[in-house]
Amino acid sequence: MGYCARRGPPARRPQGVSRTVKIGLELVAHRPVEVRLGTFFETWIATAGGCARRSLGRDEYHLRLAIAPGGRLAATGRTHICQVDLEAAGLGPNGARQALLAPVPWPGDQVLWGIRTNCFLDPADLRASARARLLTEGGRVREFDFADDRVDLQVVAPGRYLIDVTRLLAE
């Protein structure tokens, strides 16, 4: 069963609470990150009710290149396949496209950000090399790192992480 598969019935929401908020999450290079042919990232947003609709993101790199600090490595809600070194071609910085926002029930459920990658197999490498951005409706962007007290990074397996971003969303 995948990360987004439902396990049991959806969580009950208190009566009168049916609001949603649209959010997106991005993985950003904190220092230069070298990607190579076959590097991939899968990201998604999940709640107790399962994977949030339209939140799955997939980023694939089909060549060797460097992503500069501040460059986007991956994001939720869309697919990005990198086949051209934009910097070498004089077309701008290398990096993935911006996250697309996905609806998430809020307030209420715990909100988790799932990451599966073959780039950062060790959590220490993820913490040292990357930061993150939480995007919400209205253009608000909150940057955070994985050592932030407001997030909880859980290691599921090498290269597989679940990050609880509920407290960030509550601010």
C-alpha atoms as a PDB file:
ATOM      1  CA  MET A   1       0.000   0.000   0.000  1.00  0.00           C
ATOM      2  CA  GLY A   2       1.422   3.425  -0.953  1.00  0.00           C
ATOM      3  CA  TYR A   3       1.729   6.434   1.306  1.00  0.00           C
ATOM      4  CA  CYS A   4      -1.401   8.019  -0.125  1.00  0.00           C
ATOM      5  CA  ALA A   5      -3.605   4.951   0.250  1.00  0.00           C
ATOM      6  CA  ARG A   6      -6.344   5.222   2.837  1.00  0.00           C
ATOM      7  CA  ARG A   7      -6.044   3.089   5.913  1.00  0.00           C
ATOM      8  CA  GLY A   8      -9.466   2.655   7.369  1.00  0.00           C
ATOM      9  CA  PRO A   9     -12.335   5.141   7.297  1.00  0.00           C
ATOM     10  CA  PRO A  10     -11.606   8.862   7.029  1.00  0.00           C
ATOM     11  CA  ALA A  11     -11.159  10.729  10.302  1.00  0.00           C
ATOM     12  CA  ARG A  12     -14.303  12.362  11.661  1.00  0.00           C
ATOM     13  CA  ARG A  13     -14.327  16.116  11.508  1.00  0.00           C
ATOM     14  CA  PRO A  14     -16.175  18.116  14.154  1.00  0.00           C
ATOM     15  CA  GLN A  15     -19.558  19.316  12.943  1.00  0.00           C
ATOM     16  CA  GLY A  16     -19.508  22.691  11.270  1.00  0.00           C
ATOM     17  CA  VAL A  17     -15.850  22.414  10.222  1.00  0.00           C
ATOM     18  CA  SER A  18     -15.687  21.929   6.477  1.00  0.00           C
ATOM     19  CA  ARG A  19     -13.236  24.650   5.483  1.00  0.00           C
ATOM     20  CA  THR A  20     -10.189  23.978   3.364  1.00  0.00           C
ATOM     21  CA  VAL A  21      -6.999  25.895   2.775  1.00  0.00           C
ATOM     22  CA  LYS A  22      -4.835  25.566  -0.330  1.00  0.00           C
ATOM     23  CA  ILE A  23      -1.154  24.873   0.323  1.00  0.00           C
ATOM     24  CA  GLY A  24       1.964  23.789  -1.503  1.00  0.00           C
ATOM     25  CA  LEU A  25       5.407  22.688  -0.293  1.00  0.00           C
ATOM     26  CA  GLU A  26       8.786  23.095  -1.937  1.00  0.00           C
ATOM     27  CA  LEU A  27      12.179  21.548  -1.259  1.00  0.00           C
ATOM     28  CA  VAL A  28      14.896  24.174  -1.792  1.00  0.00           C
ATOM     29  CA  ALA A  29      18.694  23.836  -1.961  1.00  0.00           C
ATOM     30  CA  HIS A  30      20.415  25.272   1.125  1.00  0.00           C
ATOM     31  CA  ARG A  31      23.852  24.756  -0.415  1.00  0.00           C
ATOM     32  CA  PRO A  32      24.781  23.729  -3.977  1.00  0.00           C
ATOM     33  CA  VAL A  33      23.182  20.343  -4.740  1.00  0.00           C
ATOM     34  CA  GLU A  34      24.511  18.150  -7.528  1.00  0.00           C
ATOM     35  CA  VAL A  35      21.830  16.096  -9.276  1.00  0.00           C
ATOM     36  CA  ARG A  36      22.550  13.473 -11.904  1.00  0.00           C
ATOM     37  CA  LEU A  37      20.749  11.385 -14.469  1.00  0.00           C
ATOM     38  CA  GLY A  38      18.052   9.454 -12.624  1.00  0.00           C
ATOM     39  CA  THR A  39      17.722  11.724  -9.578  1.00  0.00           C
ATOM     40  CA  PHE A  40      14.064  11.965  -8.586  1.00  0.00           C
ATOM     41  CA  PHE A  41      11.810  13.427  -5.915  1.00  0.00           C
ATOM     42  CA  GLU A  42       8.199  12.490  -5.183  1.00  0.00           C
ATOM     43  CA  THR A  43       6.326  14.773  -2.811  1.00  0.00           C
ATOM     44  CA  TRP A  44       2.750  14.833  -1.544  1.00  0.00           C
ATOM     45  CA  ILE A  45       0.538  16.248   1.191  1.00  0.00           C
ATOM     46  CA  ALA A  46      -1.445  13.887   3.409  1.00  0.00           C
ATOM     47  CA  THR A  47      -3.947  14.129   6.257  1.00  0.00           C
ATOM     48  CA  ALA A  48      -5.734  11.496   8.330  1.00  0.00           C
ATOM     49  CA  GLY A  49      -8.221  11.225   5.449  1.00  0.00           C
ATOM     50  CA  GLY A  50      -5.495  10.216   2.969  1.00  0.00           C
ATOM     51  CA  CYS A  51      -3.488  11.966   0.290  1.00  0.00           C
ATOM     52  CA  ALA A  52      -4.719  15.492  -0.502  1.00  0.00           C
ATOM     53  CA  ARG A  53      -6.236  15.771  -3.993  1.00  0.00           C
ATOM     54  CA  ARG A  54      -3.875  17.119  -6.640  1.00  0.00           C
ATOM     55  CA  SER A  55      -0.938  17.298  -4.197  1.00  0.00           C
ATOM     56  CA  LEU A  56       1.340  14.681  -5.764  1.00  0.00           C
ATOM     57  CA  GLY A  57       4.498  16.164  -7.231  1.00  0.00           C
ATOM     58  CA  ARG A  58       7.231  14.387  -9.187  1.00  0.00           C
ATOM     59  CA  ASP A  59      10.550  15.907 -10.219  1.00  0.00           C
ATOM     60  CA  GLU A  60      12.980  13.974 -12.426  1.00  0.00           C
ATOM     61  CA  TYR A  61      16.428  15.029 -13.551  1.00  0.00           C
ATOM     62  CA  HIS A  62      17.600  13.523 -16.844  1.00  0.00           C
ATOM     63  CA  LEU A  63      21.079  15.074 -16.809  1.00  0.00           C
ATOM     64  CA  ARG A  64      23.870  16.054 -14.446  1.00  0.00           C
ATOM     65  CA  LEU A  65      23.720  19.622 -13.145  1.00  0.00           C
ATOM     66  CA  ALA A  66      24.035  21.731 -10.008  1.00  0.00           C
ATOM     67  CA  ILE A  67      21.147  23.475  -8.285  1.00  0.00           C
ATOM     68  CA  ALA A  68      22.406  26.680  -6.634  1.00  0.00           C
ATOM     69  CA  PRO A  69      21.456  27.680  -3.066  1.00  0.00           C
ATOM     70  CA  GLY A  70      17.867  28.924  -3.092  1.00  0.00           C
ATOM     71  CA  GLY A  71      17.031  26.868  -6.189  1.00  0.00           C
ATOM     72  CA  ARG A  72      13.937  24.678  -6.103  1.00  0.00           C
ATOM     73  CA  LEU A  73      14.688  20.924  -6.083  1.00  0.00           C
ATOM     74  CA  ALA A  74      11.119  19.628  -5.891  1.00  0.00           C
ATOM     75  CA  ALA A  75       7.564  20.748  -5.192  1.00  0.00           C
ATOM     76  CA  THR A  76       4.071  19.385  -4.659  1.00  0.00           C
ATOM     77  CA  GLY A  77       1.168  19.416  -7.090  1.00  0.00           C
ATOM     78  CA  ARG A  78       2.822  19.003 -10.492  1.00  0.00           C
ATOM     79  CA  THR A  79       5.340  17.023 -12.557  1.00  0.00           C
ATOM     80  CA  HIS A  80       8.637  18.510 -13.707  1.00  0.00           C
ATOM     81  CA  ILE A  81      11.140  16.721 -15.925  1.00  0.00           C
ATOM     82  CA  CYS A  82      14.471  18.533 -16.258  1.00  0.00           C
ATOM     83  CA  GLN A  83      16.255  17.686 -19.515  1.00  0.00           C
ATOM     84  CA  VAL A  84      18.105  20.961 -20.216  1.00  0.00           C
ATOM     85  CA  ASP A  85      20.821  22.753 -18.253  1.00  0.00           C
ATOM     86  CA  LEU A  86      19.197  26.195 -18.295  1.00  0.00           C
ATOM     87  CA  GLU A  87      22.252  27.975 -16.887  1.00  0.00           C
ATOM     88  CA  ALA A  88      24.578  26.512 -19.538  1.00  0.00           C
ATOM     89  CA  ALA A  89      22.088  27.537 -22.240  1.00  0.00           C
ATOM     90  CA  GLY A  90      21.894  31.093 -20.842  1.00  0.00           C
ATOM     91  CA  LEU A  91      18.181  30.744 -20.049  1.00  0.00           C
ATOM     92  CA  GLY A  92      18.257  31.321 -16.284  1.00  0.00           C
ATOM     93  CA  PRO A  93      18.888  29.357 -13.120  1.00  0.00           C
ATOM     94  CA  ASN A  94      18.353  25.606 -12.902  1.00  0.00           C
ATOM     95  CA  GLY A  95      15.522  24.378 -10.702  1.00  0.00           C
ATOM     96  CA  ALA A  96      12.095  22.831 -10.593  1.00  0.00           C
ATOM     97  CA  ARG A  97       8.847  24.700 -11.210  1.00  0.00           C
ATOM     98  CA  GLN A  98       6.861  26.268  -8.357  1.00  0.00           C
ATOM     99  CA  ALA A  99       4.440  24.161  -6.330  1.00  0.00           C
ATOM    100  CA  LEU A 100       0.792  24.138  -7.283  1.00  0.00           C
ATOM    101  CA  LEU A 101      -1.530  24.625  -4.336  1.00  0.00           C
ATOM    102  CA  ALA A 102      -3.726  21.718  -3.225  1.00  0.00           C
ATOM    103  CA  PRO A 103      -6.824  21.878  -0.992  1.00  0.00           C
ATOM    104  CA  VAL A 104      -6.348  20.535   2.537  1.00  0.00           C
ATOM    105  CA  PRO A 105      -9.034  20.345   5.262  1.00  0.00           C
ATOM    106  CA  TRP A 106      -8.219  23.013   7.840  1.00  0.00           C
ATOM    107  CA  PRO A 107      -8.450  23.477  10.739  1.00  0.00           C
ATOM    108  CA  GLY A 108      -8.469  19.926  11.932  1.00  0.00           C
ATOM    109  CA  ASP A 109      -6.338  17.063  10.767  1.00  0.00           C
ATOM    110  CA  GLN A 110      -2.616  16.657  11.113  1.00  0.00           C
ATOM    111  CA  VAL A 111      -0.915  17.746   7.872  1.00  0.00           C
ATOM    112  CA  LEU A 112       2.051  15.707   6.658  1.00  0.00           C
ATOM    113  CA  TRP A 113       4.452  16.333   3.786  1.00  0.00           C
ATOM    114  CA  GLY A 114       5.806  13.161   2.248  1.00  0.00           C
ATOM    115  CA  ILE A 115       9.115  13.029   0.397  1.00  0.00           C
ATOM    116  CA  ARG A 116      10.613  10.065  -1.450  1.00  0.00           C
ATOM    117  CA  THR A 117      13.955  10.567  -3.175  1.00  0.00           C
ATOM    118  CA  ASN A 118      17.182   8.921  -4.216  1.00  0.00           C
ATOM    119  CA  CYS A 119      19.122  12.168  -3.675  1.00  0.00           C
ATOM    120  CA  PHE A 120      19.118  12.445   0.127  1.00  0.00           C
ATOM    121  CA  LEU A 121      19.137   8.911   1.521  1.00  0.00           C
ATOM    122  CA  ASP A 122      20.370  10.052   4.930  1.00  0.00           C
ATOM    123  CA  PRO A 123      18.377  12.560   7.041  1.00  0.00           C
ATOM    124  CA  ALA A 124      21.598  14.377   8.052  1.00  0.00           C
ATOM    125  CA  ASP A 125      22.284  15.037   4.365  1.00  0.00           C
ATOM    126  CA  LEU A 126      18.716  16.299   3.844  1.00  0.00           C
ATOM    127  CA  ARG A 127      19.014  18.649   6.838  1.00  0.00           C
ATOM    128  CA  ALA A 128      22.430  19.975   5.709  1.00  0.00           C
ATOM    129  CA  SER A 129      21.602  20.395   2.019  1.00  0.00           C
ATOM    130  CA  ALA A 130      17.977  21.522   1.861  1.00  0.00           C
ATOM    131  CA  ARG A 131      15.385  23.840   3.353  1.00  0.00           C
ATOM    132  CA  ALA A 132      11.686  24.106   2.626  1.00  0.00           C
ATOM    133  CA  ARG A 133       8.912  26.551   1.802  1.00  0.00           C
ATOM    134  CA  LEU A 134       5.252  26.389   2.746  1.00  0.00           C
ATOM    135  CA  LEU A 135       3.093  28.319   0.265  1.00  0.00           C
ATOM    136  CA  THR A 136      -0.491  29.277   1.063  1.00  0.00           C
ATOM    137  CA  GLU A 137      -3.295  31.107  -0.720  1.00  0.00           C
ATOM    138  CA  GLY A 138      -2.726  34.807  -1.072  1.00  0.00           C
ATOM    139  CA  GLY A 139       0.965  34.366  -1.862  1.00  0.00           C
ATOM    140  CA  ARG A 140       2.193  33.892   1.707  1.00  0.00           C
ATOM    141  CA  VAL A 141       5.493  31.973   1.841  1.00  0.00           C
ATOM    142  CA  ARG A 142       7.020  30.576   5.036  1.00  0.00           C
ATOM    143  CA  GLU A 143      10.568  29.252   4.821  1.00  0.00           C
ATOM    144  CA  PHE A 144      11.793  26.688   7.324  1.00  0.00           C
ATOM    145  CA  ASP A 145      14.537  24.149   7.808  1.00  0.00           C
ATOM    146  CA  PHE A 146      14.181  20.602   9.026  1.00  0.00           C
ATOM    147  CA  ALA A 147      15.676  21.389  12.457  1.00  0.00           C
ATOM    148  CA  ASP A 148      12.860  23.914  13.105  1.00  0.00           C
ATOM    149  CA  ASP A 149      10.922  23.134  16.310  1.00  0.00           C
ATOM    150  CA  ARG A 150       7.633  23.673  14.460  1.00  0.00           C
ATOM    151  CA  VAL A 151       8.184  20.655  12.192  1.00  0.00           C
ATOM    152  CA  ASP A 152       8.745  16.995  12.961  1.00  0.00           C
ATOM    153  CA  LEU A 153      10.900  15.021  10.497  1.00  0.00           C
ATOM    154  CA  GLN A 154      10.260  11.285  10.604  1.00  0.00           C
ATOM    155  CA  VAL A 155      12.464   8.860   8.687  1.00  0.00           C
ATOM    156  CA  VAL A 156      10.395   6.040   7.167  1.00  0.00           C
ATOM    157  CA  ALA A 157      13.309   4.418   5.291  1.00  0.00           C
ATOM    158  CA  PRO A 158      16.442   5.682   3.502  1.00  0.00           C
ATOM    159  CA  GLY A 159      15.252   8.482   1.210  1.00  0.00           C
ATOM    160  CA  ARG A 160      11.684   8.374   2.561  1.00  0.00           C
ATOM    161  CA  TYR A 161      10.491  11.054   4.949  1.00  0.00           C
ATOM    162  CA  LEU A 162       7.274  12.296   6.530  1.00  0.00           C
ATOM    163  CA  ILE A 163       7.364  15.871   7.817  1.00  0.00           C
ATOM    164  CA  ASP A 164       4.592  17.096  10.105  1.00  0.00           C
ATOM    165  CA  VAL A 165       3.889  20.721   9.105  1.00  0.00           C
ATOM    166  CA  THR A 166       0.692  21.147  11.163  1.00  0.00           C
ATOM    167  CA  ARG A 167       2.208  23.686  13.579  1.00  0.00           C
ATOM    168  CA  LEU A 168       3.554  25.797  10.690  1.00  0.00           C
ATOM    169  CA  LEU A 169       0.139  25.850   9.076  1.00  0.00           C
ATOM    170  CA  ALA A 170      -1.474  26.895  12.386  1.00  0.00           C
ATOM    171  CA  GLU A 171       0.568  30.132  12.541  1.00  0.00           C
END
